[in-house]
Amino acid sequence: SCKVFFAKDPLKIVRAQGQYMFDEKGEKYLDCINNVAHVGHSHPYVIKAATKQMELLNTNSRFLHDNLVQYAQRLTATLPEKLSVCYVVNSGSEANDLALRLAREYRGHQDVITLE
């Protein structure tokens, strides 16, 4: 059920910088898919922060760690009281799945409307 975006002429992306991705021939493509709207690919601040964290601990959110709690507290402190709960998930797909399950539980409906 999963399709390759460019099945007839697949892209082989080998690197990315800012909002662009580059194939093995050096051709540049504007990345409108991979969540780069905030800081882009290869942002020095993000690389530095990620490297610092990976030197300490490289895992996902299934284990307890004070940083998860501290981040959630800092984040929810900026939001209204109604938004005082923070869920830490692994990906956008996981976040969408959780949002659907929460909405279905809260409303008691199973229907979903999506745009293609």
N, C-alpha and C. Protein backbone atom coordinates (compact mmCIF):
# COMPACT_ATOMS: atom_id res chain seq x y z
N SER A 1 0.81 -1.20 0.00
CA SER A 1 0.00 0.00 0.00
C SER A 1 0.85 1.26 0.00
N CYS A 2 2.15 1.13 0.02
CA CYS A 2 3.04 2.29 0.03
C CYS A 2 3.65 2.47 -1.36
N LYS A 3 3.50 3.66 -1.92
CA LYS A 3 4.01 3.93 -3.26
C LYS A 3 5.28 4.77 -3.18
N VAL A 4 6.19 4.52 -4.10
CA VAL A 4 7.36 5.38 -4.26
C VAL A 4 6.88 6.62 -5.00
N PHE A 5 7.29 7.81 -4.56
CA PHE A 5 6.81 9.04 -5.18
C PHE A 5 7.14 9.11 -6.67
N PHE A 6 8.34 8.66 -7.07
CA PHE A 6 8.78 8.80 -8.44
C PHE A 6 9.12 7.41 -8.98
N ALA A 7 8.11 6.56 -9.12
CA ALA A 7 8.34 5.15 -9.47
C ALA A 7 9.01 4.98 -10.83
N LYS A 8 8.67 5.81 -11.83
CA LYS A 8 9.23 5.63 -13.18
C LYS A 8 10.66 6.16 -13.27
N ASP A 9 10.97 7.18 -12.52
CA ASP A 9 12.30 7.78 -12.56
C ASP A 9 12.66 8.21 -11.13
N PRO A 10 13.00 7.24 -10.27
CA PRO A 10 13.20 7.56 -8.85
C PRO A 10 14.38 8.50 -8.62
N LEU A 11 14.22 9.38 -7.64
CA LEU A 11 15.30 10.27 -7.23
C LEU A 11 16.22 9.56 -6.27
N LYS A 12 17.49 9.77 -6.42
CA LYS A 12 18.47 9.27 -5.46
C LYS A 12 19.07 10.50 -4.80
N ILE A 13 18.50 10.89 -3.66
CA ILE A 13 18.94 12.07 -2.92
C ILE A 13 20.15 11.68 -2.08
N VAL A 14 21.24 12.45 -2.18
CA VAL A 14 22.47 12.09 -1.46
C VAL A 14 22.86 13.11 -0.40
N ARG A 15 22.31 14.33 -0.46
CA ARG A 15 22.60 15.32 0.58
C ARG A 15 21.56 16.42 0.53
N ALA A 16 21.57 17.27 1.58
CA ALA A 16 20.62 18.38 1.64
C ALA A 16 21.25 19.54 2.40
N GLN A 17 20.83 20.75 2.05
CA GLN A 17 21.31 21.96 2.71
C GLN A 17 20.18 22.98 2.66
N GLY A 18 19.85 23.56 3.83
CA GLY A 18 18.76 24.54 3.86
C GLY A 18 17.46 23.93 3.40
N GLN A 19 16.83 24.55 2.42
CA GLN A 19 15.54 24.05 1.93
C GLN A 19 15.69 23.16 0.69
N TYR A 20 16.92 22.84 0.32
CA TYR A 20 17.16 22.06 -0.89
C TYR A 20 17.72 20.68 -0.61
N MET A 21 17.39 19.74 -1.52
CA MET A 21 17.99 18.42 -1.54
C MET A 21 18.70 18.27 -2.88
N PHE A 22 19.75 17.43 -2.91
CA PHE A 22 20.54 17.26 -4.11
C PHE A 22 20.65 15.78 -4.46
N ASP A 23 20.52 15.48 -5.75
CA ASP A 23 20.66 14.09 -6.17
C ASP A 23 22.13 13.78 -6.49
N GLU A 24 22.38 12.53 -6.91
CA GLU A 24 23.75 12.09 -7.13
C GLU A 24 24.44 12.82 -8.29
N LYS A 25 23.65 13.52 -9.12
CA LYS A 25 24.21 14.29 -10.23
C LYS A 25 24.42 15.76 -9.86
N GLY A 26 24.05 16.13 -8.62
CA GLY A 26 24.17 17.51 -8.19
C GLY A 26 22.96 18.36 -8.50
N GLU A 27 21.91 17.77 -9.07
CA GLU A 27 20.68 18.51 -9.37
C GLU A 27 20.00 18.93 -8.07
N LYS A 28 19.54 20.18 -8.03
CA LYS A 28 18.95 20.75 -6.82
C LYS A 28 17.43 20.66 -6.88
N TYR A 29 16.79 20.25 -5.75
CA TYR A 29 15.34 20.14 -5.64
C TYR A 29 14.88 20.90 -4.40
N LEU A 30 13.81 21.67 -4.53
CA LEU A 30 13.21 22.33 -3.38
C LEU A 30 12.47 21.28 -2.56
N ASP A 31 12.78 21.16 -1.29
CA ASP A 31 12.17 20.14 -0.42
C ASP A 31 10.89 20.69 0.18
N CYS A 32 9.77 20.17 -0.28
CA CYS A 32 8.45 20.57 0.23
C CYS A 32 7.81 19.45 1.05
N ILE A 33 8.58 18.44 1.42
CA ILE A 33 8.03 17.25 2.08
C ILE A 33 8.59 17.02 3.47
N ASN A 34 9.88 17.18 3.69
CA ASN A 34 10.57 16.64 4.85
C ASN A 34 10.66 17.54 6.08
N ASN A 35 9.64 18.28 6.39
CA ASN A 35 9.60 19.07 7.63
C ASN A 35 10.79 20.02 7.78
N VAL A 36 11.16 20.70 6.72
CA VAL A 36 12.29 21.61 6.78
C VAL A 36 11.84 23.07 6.93
N ALA A 37 10.57 23.30 7.07
CA ALA A 37 10.06 24.68 7.09
C ALA A 37 10.62 25.49 8.25
N HIS A 38 10.99 24.89 9.33
CA HIS A 38 11.46 25.63 10.50
C HIS A 38 12.91 26.08 10.39
N VAL A 39 13.81 25.18 10.14
CA VAL A 39 15.24 25.53 10.12
C VAL A 39 15.99 24.98 8.91
N GLY A 40 15.39 24.14 8.12
CA GLY A 40 16.06 23.59 6.96
C GLY A 40 16.97 22.42 7.30
N HIS A 41 17.56 21.86 6.26
CA HIS A 41 18.50 20.75 6.42
C HIS A 41 19.86 21.29 6.85
N SER A 42 20.57 20.53 7.64
CA SER A 42 21.97 20.80 8.00
C SER A 42 22.17 22.14 8.69
N HIS A 43 21.20 22.56 9.49
CA HIS A 43 21.33 23.82 10.21
C HIS A 43 22.40 23.66 11.30
N PRO A 44 23.39 24.54 11.38
CA PRO A 44 24.49 24.38 12.33
C PRO A 44 24.05 24.30 13.79
N TYR A 45 23.05 25.08 14.18
CA TYR A 45 22.58 25.05 15.57
C TYR A 45 21.95 23.69 15.90
N VAL A 46 21.16 23.18 14.97
CA VAL A 46 20.51 21.88 15.19
C VAL A 46 21.55 20.76 15.22
N ILE A 47 22.53 20.82 14.32
CA ILE A 47 23.59 19.82 14.32
C ILE A 47 24.36 19.84 15.63
N LYS A 48 24.69 21.04 16.11
CA LYS A 48 25.43 21.17 17.38
C LYS A 48 24.62 20.60 18.54
N ALA A 49 23.33 20.97 18.61
CA ALA A 49 22.47 20.49 19.70
C ALA A 49 22.29 18.97 19.63
N ALA A 50 22.08 18.45 18.43
CA ALA A 50 21.89 17.00 18.27
C ALA A 50 23.16 16.24 18.63
N THR A 51 24.31 16.76 18.20
CA THR A 51 25.59 16.12 18.52
C THR A 51 25.81 16.10 20.03
N LYS A 52 25.55 17.23 20.67
CA LYS A 52 25.71 17.31 22.13
C LYS A 52 24.84 16.27 22.84
N GLN A 53 23.58 16.14 22.39
CA GLN A 53 22.68 15.17 23.00
C GLN A 53 23.13 13.75 22.71
N MET A 54 23.55 13.46 21.50
CA MET A 54 23.97 12.10 21.15
C MET A 54 25.24 11.69 21.87
N GLU A 55 26.08 12.66 22.23
CA GLU A 55 27.27 12.35 23.02
C GLU A 55 26.88 11.90 24.43
N LEU A 56 25.72 12.35 24.90
CA LEU A 56 25.24 12.00 26.23
C LEU A 56 24.36 10.74 26.20
N LEU A 57 23.38 10.76 25.30
CA LEU A 57 22.41 9.67 25.23
C LEU A 57 21.71 9.72 23.89
N ASN A 58 21.68 8.61 23.19
CA ASN A 58 21.02 8.55 21.89
C ASN A 58 19.96 7.46 21.95
N THR A 59 18.73 7.85 22.21
CA THR A 59 17.62 6.89 22.29
C THR A 59 16.34 7.61 21.91
N ASN A 60 15.25 6.90 21.94
CA ASN A 60 13.97 7.54 21.66
C ASN A 60 13.22 7.81 22.96
N SER A 61 11.96 8.17 22.86
CA SER A 61 11.22 8.62 24.04
C SER A 61 10.56 7.49 24.83
N ARG A 62 10.92 6.24 24.58
CA ARG A 62 10.27 5.16 25.32
C ARG A 62 10.81 5.02 26.76
N PHE A 63 11.98 5.63 27.02
CA PHE A 63 12.56 5.55 28.35
C PHE A 63 12.39 6.89 29.08
N LEU A 64 12.29 6.82 30.38
CA LEU A 64 12.17 8.04 31.18
C LEU A 64 13.48 8.81 31.17
N HIS A 65 13.37 10.12 31.06
CA HIS A 65 14.56 10.97 31.12
C HIS A 65 14.09 12.37 31.54
N ASP A 66 14.86 13.02 32.40
CA ASP A 66 14.47 14.35 32.90
C ASP A 66 14.30 15.37 31.78
N ASN A 67 15.07 15.26 30.69
CA ASN A 67 14.95 16.22 29.60
C ASN A 67 13.56 16.23 28.99
N LEU A 68 12.92 15.08 28.90
CA LEU A 68 11.56 15.02 28.36
C LEU A 68 10.60 15.81 29.24
N VAL A 69 10.71 15.64 30.54
CA VAL A 69 9.84 16.35 31.48
C VAL A 69 10.14 17.84 31.45
N GLN A 70 11.41 18.19 31.46
CA GLN A 70 11.79 19.62 31.44
C GLN A 70 11.31 20.29 30.16
N TYR A 71 11.44 19.63 29.04
CA TYR A 71 10.98 20.19 27.79
C TYR A 71 9.46 20.38 27.82
N ALA A 72 8.74 19.37 28.28
CA ALA A 72 7.28 19.47 28.36
C ALA A 72 6.86 20.61 29.28
N GLN A 73 7.53 20.77 30.39
CA GLN A 73 7.21 21.87 31.31
C GLN A 73 7.47 23.23 30.67
N ARG A 74 8.61 23.37 29.99
CA ARG A 74 8.92 24.64 29.32
C ARG A 74 7.93 24.94 28.21
N LEU A 75 7.55 23.92 27.45
CA LEU A 75 6.61 24.10 26.36
C LEU A 75 5.22 24.47 26.87
N THR A 76 4.70 23.69 27.81
CA THR A 76 3.34 23.95 28.29
C THR A 76 3.24 25.25 29.08
N ALA A 77 4.35 25.73 29.62
CA ALA A 77 4.34 27.02 30.33
C ALA A 77 4.04 28.18 29.38
N THR A 78 4.24 27.98 28.09
CA THR A 78 3.97 29.04 27.11
C THR A 78 2.56 28.98 26.56
N LEU A 79 1.79 27.98 26.98
CA LEU A 79 0.46 27.74 26.41
C LEU A 79 -0.65 27.99 27.43
N PRO A 80 -1.89 28.17 26.96
CA PRO A 80 -3.03 28.32 27.88
C PRO A 80 -3.22 27.06 28.73
N GLU A 81 -3.87 27.19 29.86
CA GLU A 81 -4.08 26.08 30.80
C GLU A 81 -4.74 24.87 30.12
N LYS A 82 -5.64 25.13 29.16
CA LYS A 82 -6.31 24.03 28.46
C LYS A 82 -5.32 23.14 27.70
N LEU A 83 -4.16 23.67 27.39
CA LEU A 83 -3.15 22.92 26.64
C LEU A 83 -1.98 22.57 27.56
N SER A 84 -2.29 22.05 28.72
CA SER A 84 -1.26 21.78 29.72
C SER A 84 -0.73 20.35 29.70
N VAL A 85 -1.17 19.55 28.76
CA VAL A 85 -0.70 18.17 28.65
C VAL A 85 0.18 18.07 27.41
N CYS A 86 1.30 17.38 27.54
CA CYS A 86 2.25 17.24 26.43
C CYS A 86 2.48 15.76 26.18
N TYR A 87 2.33 15.35 24.93
CA TYR A 87 2.62 13.98 24.53
C TYR A 87 3.89 13.99 23.70
N VAL A 88 4.88 13.20 24.06
CA VAL A 88 6.12 13.10 23.30
C VAL A 88 6.01 11.87 22.41
N VAL A 89 6.11 12.09 21.11
CA VAL A 89 6.00 10.99 20.15
C VAL A 89 7.22 10.99 19.25
N ASN A 90 7.36 9.96 18.45
CA ASN A 90 8.56 9.73 17.66
C ASN A 90 8.54 10.37 16.27
N SER A 91 7.35 10.62 15.72
CA SER A 91 7.29 11.10 14.34
C SER A 91 5.97 11.82 14.10
N GLY A 92 5.88 12.46 12.94
CA GLY A 92 4.63 13.09 12.54
C GLY A 92 3.52 12.08 12.35
N SER A 93 3.87 10.92 11.81
CA SER A 93 2.87 9.86 11.62
C SER A 93 2.34 9.38 12.97
N GLU A 94 3.24 9.22 13.93
CA GLU A 94 2.82 8.79 15.26
C GLU A 94 1.97 9.87 15.92
N ALA A 95 2.31 11.13 15.71
CA ALA A 95 1.53 12.24 16.26
C ALA A 95 0.13 12.26 15.64
N ASN A 96 0.04 12.06 14.33
CA ASN A 96 -1.27 12.03 13.67
C ASN A 96 -2.11 10.87 14.18
N ASP A 97 -1.48 9.71 14.34
CA ASP A 97 -2.20 8.54 14.85
C ASP A 97 -2.74 8.81 16.25
N LEU A 98 -1.92 9.39 17.11
CA LEU A 98 -2.36 9.70 18.48
C LEU A 98 -3.48 10.73 18.46
N ALA A 99 -3.35 11.76 17.63
CA ALA A 99 -4.39 12.78 17.55
C ALA A 99 -5.73 12.18 17.12
N LEU A 100 -5.70 11.28 16.15
CA LEU A 100 -6.94 10.62 15.71
C LEU A 100 -7.54 9.77 16.83
N ARG A 101 -6.68 9.01 17.51
CA ARG A 101 -7.20 8.16 18.59
C ARG A 101 -7.78 9.00 19.73
N LEU A 102 -7.13 10.11 20.08
CA LEU A 102 -7.66 10.99 21.13
C LEU A 102 -8.98 11.62 20.71
N ALA A 103 -9.04 12.09 19.46
CA ALA A 103 -10.27 12.71 18.96
C ALA A 103 -11.42 11.70 18.93
N ARG A 104 -11.13 10.49 18.49
CA ARG A 104 -12.18 9.45 18.44
C ARG A 104 -12.66 9.11 19.84
N GLU A 105 -11.75 9.02 20.78
CA GLU A 105 -12.14 8.72 22.17
C GLU A 105 -12.97 9.85 22.75
N TYR A 106 -12.55 11.07 22.52
CA TYR A 106 -13.24 12.24 23.09
C TYR A 106 -14.63 12.43 22.49
N ARG A 107 -14.73 12.31 21.16
CA ARG A 107 -16.00 12.57 20.48
C ARG A 107 -16.89 11.33 20.37
N GLY A 108 -16.29 10.14 20.45
CA GLY A 108 -17.08 8.93 20.31
C GLY A 108 -17.46 8.62 18.87
N HIS A 109 -16.80 9.24 17.92
CA HIS A 109 -17.06 8.99 16.50
C HIS A 109 -15.83 8.33 15.87
N GLN A 110 -16.05 7.58 14.80
CA GLN A 110 -14.96 6.93 14.09
C GLN A 110 -14.67 7.57 12.75
N ASP A 111 -15.54 8.48 12.28
CA ASP A 111 -15.39 9.07 10.96
C ASP A 111 -14.24 10.08 10.92
N VAL A 112 -13.57 10.13 9.76
CA VAL A 112 -12.47 11.06 9.54
C VAL A 112 -12.60 11.62 8.13
N ILE A 113 -12.37 12.90 7.97
CA ILE A 113 -12.35 13.53 6.65
C ILE A 113 -10.91 13.92 6.36
N THR A 114 -10.41 13.53 5.19
CA THR A 114 -9.04 13.89 4.82
C THR A 114 -9.05 14.51 3.42
N LEU A 115 -8.02 15.25 3.13
CA LEU A 115 -7.83 15.83 1.80
C LEU A 115 -6.70 15.11 1.10
N GLU A 116 -6.88 14.84 -0.18
CA GLU A 116 -5.83 14.15 -0.94
C GLU A 116 -4.88 15.19 -1.51
